[in-house]
Amino acid sequence: MIKGLAISTVWVLDQDRAKEFYTEKLGLELRMDMTLGEGGMRWVTVGAKDQPEVVLTLMVPGAPAMDEESAEAVRTLVAKGVLGAGALATDDIHGDYEKLKARGVEFIQPPQERPYGTEAILRDDSGNWFSFTQQREELDLDKEWA
């Protein structure tokens, strides 16, 4: 049976730049940076210190995962900034928002109240956007949200 999520791919335009962004600006740990075989695919993974069982793999679109036409389409969508790459969790949305902004992280939405918690939207150095969310301890299912 499936036990949970282990690896999620984030398509990036430059692995060196992405590795720097995710580790130095977002503060994630570098888990692995290796090339598989001579001239093979580069495998770069990062993850949150307190969540060792889950990693993001920072992949440049291309072989062996996809043909060149598909890779170019994915690169175009990433650079355009229309791909959401997931949600990053925090327990201090306002404090972490300020810290990340000070490190040069681009936010396309400041923290706002949502039915599920407080959410900001950030963009990585390739163009991907992430929900940056502090979940509510209890959901108010009776409250109407616009």
C-alpha atoms as a PDB file:
ATOM      1  CA  MET A   1       0.000   0.000   0.000  1.00  0.00           C
ATOM      2  CA  ILE A   2       0.972   3.606  -0.465  1.00  0.00           C
ATOM      3  CA  LYS A   3       2.481   5.003   2.732  1.00  0.00           C
ATOM      4  CA  GLY A   4       2.761   8.622   1.630  1.00  0.00           C
ATOM      5  CA  LEU A   5       4.552  11.062  -0.635  1.00  0.00           C
ATOM      6  CA  ALA A   6       8.340  10.619  -0.841  1.00  0.00           C
ATOM      7  CA  ILE A   7       9.529  12.642  -3.861  1.00  0.00           C
ATOM      8  CA  SER A   8       7.911  15.466  -5.791  1.00  0.00           C
ATOM      9  CA  THR A   9       9.431  16.991  -8.925  1.00  0.00           C
ATOM     10  CA  VAL A  10       9.808  20.727  -9.348  1.00  0.00           C
ATOM     11  CA  TRP A  11      10.742  21.689 -12.903  1.00  0.00           C
ATOM     12  CA  VAL A  12      13.464  24.339 -12.856  1.00  0.00           C
ATOM     13  CA  LEU A  13      15.363  26.205 -15.546  1.00  0.00           C
ATOM     14  CA  ASP A  14      18.826  25.956 -13.957  1.00  0.00           C
ATOM     15  CA  GLN A  15      19.721  23.396 -11.291  1.00  0.00           C
ATOM     16  CA  ASP A  16      22.608  25.384  -9.789  1.00  0.00           C
ATOM     17  CA  ARG A  17      20.486  28.506  -9.415  1.00  0.00           C
ATOM     18  CA  ALA A  18      17.559  26.459  -8.071  1.00  0.00           C
ATOM     19  CA  LYS A  19      19.775  24.656  -5.552  1.00  0.00           C
ATOM     20  CA  GLU A  20      20.998  28.023  -4.283  1.00  0.00           C
ATOM     21  CA  PHE A  21      17.455  29.431  -4.112  1.00  0.00           C
ATOM     22  CA  TYR A  22      15.934  26.465  -2.272  1.00  0.00           C
ATOM     23  CA  THR A  23      18.796  26.097   0.210  1.00  0.00           C
ATOM     24  CA  GLU A  24      19.976  29.670   0.800  1.00  0.00           C
ATOM     25  CA  LYS A  25      16.756  31.635   0.370  1.00  0.00           C
ATOM     26  CA  LEU A  26      14.088  29.141   1.447  1.00  0.00           C
ATOM     27  CA  GLY A  27      16.340  27.402   3.985  1.00  0.00           C
ATOM     28  CA  LEU A  28      15.755  23.823   2.841  1.00  0.00           C
ATOM     29  CA  GLU A  29      18.490  21.206   3.267  1.00  0.00           C
ATOM     30  CA  LEU A  30      20.423  19.861   0.315  1.00  0.00           C
ATOM     31  CA  ARG A  31      19.798  16.123   0.419  1.00  0.00           C
ATOM     32  CA  MET A  32      21.574  14.981  -2.737  1.00  0.00           C
ATOM     33  CA  ASP A  33      23.462  16.401  -5.706  1.00  0.00           C
ATOM     34  CA  MET A  34      24.852  13.741  -7.999  1.00  0.00           C
ATOM     35  CA  THR A  35      25.096  12.730 -11.626  1.00  0.00           C
ATOM     36  CA  LEU A  36      23.797   9.294 -12.517  1.00  0.00           C
ATOM     37  CA  GLY A  37      26.492   7.650 -14.627  1.00  0.00           C
ATOM     38  CA  GLU A  38      28.947   9.327 -16.968  1.00  0.00           C
ATOM     39  CA  GLY A  39      27.134  12.135 -18.783  1.00  0.00           C
ATOM     40  CA  GLY A  40      23.895  11.075 -17.109  1.00  0.00           C
ATOM     41  CA  MET A  41      21.047  12.918 -15.490  1.00  0.00           C
ATOM     42  CA  ARG A  42      21.825  15.212 -12.565  1.00  0.00           C
ATOM     43  CA  TRP A  43      19.786  14.412  -9.447  1.00  0.00           C
ATOM     44  CA  VAL A  44      19.387  17.358  -7.026  1.00  0.00           C
ATOM     45  CA  THR A  45      17.066  16.987  -4.046  1.00  0.00           C
ATOM     46  CA  VAL A  46      16.185  19.296  -1.159  1.00  0.00           C
ATOM     47  CA  GLY A  47      13.881  18.998   1.810  1.00  0.00           C
ATOM     48  CA  ALA A  48      12.747  20.484   5.091  1.00  0.00           C
ATOM     49  CA  LYS A  49      15.002  19.644   8.044  1.00  0.00           C
ATOM     50  CA  ASP A  50      12.131  18.293  10.130  1.00  0.00           C
ATOM     51  CA  GLN A  51      10.631  16.188   7.334  1.00  0.00           C
ATOM     52  CA  PRO A  52      13.363  13.752   6.225  1.00  0.00           C
ATOM     53  CA  GLU A  53      10.980  11.399   4.437  1.00  0.00           C
ATOM     54  CA  VAL A  54       9.930  13.944   1.761  1.00  0.00           C
ATOM     55  CA  VAL A  55      12.150  15.566  -0.871  1.00  0.00           C
ATOM     56  CA  LEU A  56      11.743  17.893  -3.802  1.00  0.00           C
ATOM     57  CA  THR A  57      13.794  16.923  -6.814  1.00  0.00           C
ATOM     58  CA  LEU A  58      14.880  19.961  -8.824  1.00  0.00           C
ATOM     59  CA  MET A  59      14.802  18.798 -12.440  1.00  0.00           C
ATOM     60  CA  VAL A  60      15.502  20.561 -15.710  1.00  0.00           C
ATOM     61  CA  PRO A  61      12.884  19.495 -18.275  1.00  0.00           C
ATOM     62  CA  GLY A  62      14.361  17.141 -20.854  1.00  0.00           C
ATOM     63  CA  ALA A  63      15.600  13.627 -21.480  1.00  0.00           C
ATOM     64  CA  PRO A  64      15.142  11.019 -20.195  1.00  0.00           C
ATOM     65  CA  ALA A  65      11.809  12.180 -18.727  1.00  0.00           C
ATOM     66  CA  MET A  66      10.468  13.793 -21.904  1.00  0.00           C
ATOM     67  CA  ASP A  67      11.140  14.531 -25.545  1.00  0.00           C
ATOM     68  CA  GLU A  68      12.573  17.926 -26.575  1.00  0.00           C
ATOM     69  CA  GLU A  69       9.249  19.350 -27.790  1.00  0.00           C
ATOM     70  CA  SER A  70       7.601  18.555 -24.439  1.00  0.00           C
ATOM     71  CA  ALA A  71      10.649  19.840 -22.539  1.00  0.00           C
ATOM     72  CA  GLU A  72      10.453  23.169 -24.364  1.00  0.00           C
ATOM     73  CA  ALA A  73       6.736  23.449 -23.583  1.00  0.00           C
ATOM     74  CA  VAL A  74       7.400  22.811 -19.871  1.00  0.00           C
ATOM     75  CA  ARG A  75      10.314  25.306 -19.823  1.00  0.00           C
ATOM     76  CA  THR A  76       8.033  27.917 -21.405  1.00  0.00           C
ATOM     77  CA  LEU A  77       5.290  27.342 -18.823  1.00  0.00           C
ATOM     78  CA  VAL A  78       7.773  27.445 -15.918  1.00  0.00           C
ATOM     79  CA  ALA A  79       9.363  30.675 -17.176  1.00  0.00           C
ATOM     80  CA  LYS A  80       5.904  32.177 -17.731  1.00  0.00           C
ATOM     81  CA  GLY A  81       5.142  31.599 -14.047  1.00  0.00           C
ATOM     82  CA  VAL A  82       1.909  29.687 -14.490  1.00  0.00           C
ATOM     83  CA  LEU A  83       2.857  26.398 -12.797  1.00  0.00           C
ATOM     84  CA  GLY A  84       2.021  25.858  -9.164  1.00  0.00           C
ATOM     85  CA  ALA A  85       4.518  23.508  -7.556  1.00  0.00           C
ATOM     86  CA  GLY A  86       2.726  22.797  -4.277  1.00  0.00           C
ATOM     87  CA  ALA A  87       2.301  24.147  -0.769  1.00  0.00           C
ATOM     88  CA  LEU A  88       5.000  24.836   1.791  1.00  0.00           C
ATOM     89  CA  ALA A  89       3.944  24.760   5.445  1.00  0.00           C
ATOM     90  CA  THR A  90       4.976  27.121   8.224  1.00  0.00           C
ATOM     91  CA  ASP A  91       3.957  27.695  11.823  1.00  0.00           C
ATOM     92  CA  ASP A  92       4.834  31.431  11.716  1.00  0.00           C
ATOM     93  CA  ILE A  93       3.468  32.829   8.458  1.00  0.00           C
ATOM     94  CA  HIS A  94       4.027  36.500   9.264  1.00  0.00           C
ATOM     95  CA  GLY A  95       7.522  36.112  10.722  1.00  0.00           C
ATOM     96  CA  ASP A  96       8.688  33.717   8.008  1.00  0.00           C
ATOM     97  CA  TYR A  97       7.164  35.912   5.304  1.00  0.00           C
ATOM     98  CA  GLU A  98       9.301  38.828   6.515  1.00  0.00           C
ATOM     99  CA  LYS A  99      12.454  36.662   6.779  1.00  0.00           C
ATOM    100  CA  LEU A 100      12.020  35.257   3.290  1.00  0.00           C
ATOM    101  CA  LYS A 101      11.300  38.686   1.791  1.00  0.00           C
ATOM    102  CA  ALA A 102      14.514  39.962   3.423  1.00  0.00           C
ATOM    103  CA  ARG A 103      16.408  37.089   1.725  1.00  0.00           C
ATOM    104  CA  GLY A 104      15.059  38.212  -1.655  1.00  0.00           C
ATOM    105  CA  VAL A 105      12.197  35.743  -2.106  1.00  0.00           C
ATOM    106  CA  GLU A 106       9.525  37.179  -4.415  1.00  0.00           C
ATOM    107  CA  PHE A 107       5.992  37.059  -3.065  1.00  0.00           C
ATOM    108  CA  ILE A 108       3.127  37.574  -5.479  1.00  0.00           C
ATOM    109  CA  GLN A 109       0.646  37.680  -2.610  1.00  0.00           C
ATOM    110  CA  PRO A 110       1.251  38.734   0.995  1.00  0.00           C
ATOM    111  CA  PRO A 111      -0.298  36.688   3.836  1.00  0.00           C
ATOM    112  CA  GLN A 112      -4.091  36.599   3.610  1.00  0.00           C
ATOM    113  CA  GLU A 113      -6.717  34.806   5.667  1.00  0.00           C
ATOM    114  CA  ARG A 114      -8.289  31.784   3.996  1.00  0.00           C
ATOM    115  CA  PRO A 115     -10.762  29.154   5.241  1.00  0.00           C
ATOM    116  CA  TYR A 116      -7.876  26.718   5.783  1.00  0.00           C
ATOM    117  CA  GLY A 117      -5.410  29.180   7.339  1.00  0.00           C
ATOM    118  CA  THR A 118      -3.200  32.101   6.392  1.00  0.00           C
ATOM    119  CA  GLU A 119      -1.593  31.920   2.962  1.00  0.00           C
ATOM    120  CA  ALA A 120       1.005  33.864   1.021  1.00  0.00           C
ATOM    121  CA  ILE A 121       2.118  32.986  -2.516  1.00  0.00           C
ATOM    122  CA  LEU A 122       5.816  32.941  -3.379  1.00  0.00           C
ATOM    123  CA  ARG A 123       7.665  32.408  -6.632  1.00  0.00           C
ATOM    124  CA  ASP A 124      10.935  30.511  -7.025  1.00  0.00           C
ATOM    125  CA  ASP A 125      13.839  31.658  -9.193  1.00  0.00           C
ATOM    126  CA  SER A 126      12.516  29.719 -12.225  1.00  0.00           C
ATOM    127  CA  GLY A 127       8.949  31.059 -12.064  1.00  0.00           C
ATOM    128  CA  ASN A 128       7.104  28.290 -10.175  1.00  0.00           C
ATOM    129  CA  TRP A 129       4.706  29.486  -7.510  1.00  0.00           C
ATOM    130  CA  PHE A 130       4.066  27.896  -4.125  1.00  0.00           C
ATOM    131  CA  SER A 131       1.348  28.397  -1.565  1.00  0.00           C
ATOM    132  CA  PHE A 132       3.101  29.300   1.706  1.00  0.00           C
ATOM    133  CA  THR A 133       0.594  28.384   4.372  1.00  0.00           C
ATOM    134  CA  GLN A 134       0.021  28.316   8.090  1.00  0.00           C
ATOM    135  CA  GLN A 135      -2.935  26.011   8.621  1.00  0.00           C
ATOM    136  CA  ARG A 136      -5.687  26.808  11.089  1.00  0.00           C
ATOM    137  CA  GLU A 137      -5.773  24.680  14.201  1.00  0.00           C
ATOM    138  CA  GLU A 138      -9.518  24.322  13.760  1.00  0.00           C
ATOM    139  CA  LEU A 139     -11.541  25.018  10.655  1.00  0.00           C
ATOM    140  CA  ASP A 140     -14.627  27.180  11.066  1.00  0.00           C
ATOM    141  CA  LEU A 141     -16.949  25.375   8.680  1.00  0.00           C
ATOM    142  CA  ASP A 142     -19.878  27.645   9.548  1.00  0.00           C
ATOM    143  CA  LYS A 143     -18.122  30.868   8.489  1.00  0.00           C
ATOM    144  CA  GLU A 144     -18.767  32.066   4.967  1.00  0.00           C
ATOM    145  CA  TRP A 145     -15.673  33.042   2.950  1.00  0.00           C
ATOM    146  CA  ALA A 146     -15.749  35.270  -0.077  1.00  0.00           C
END
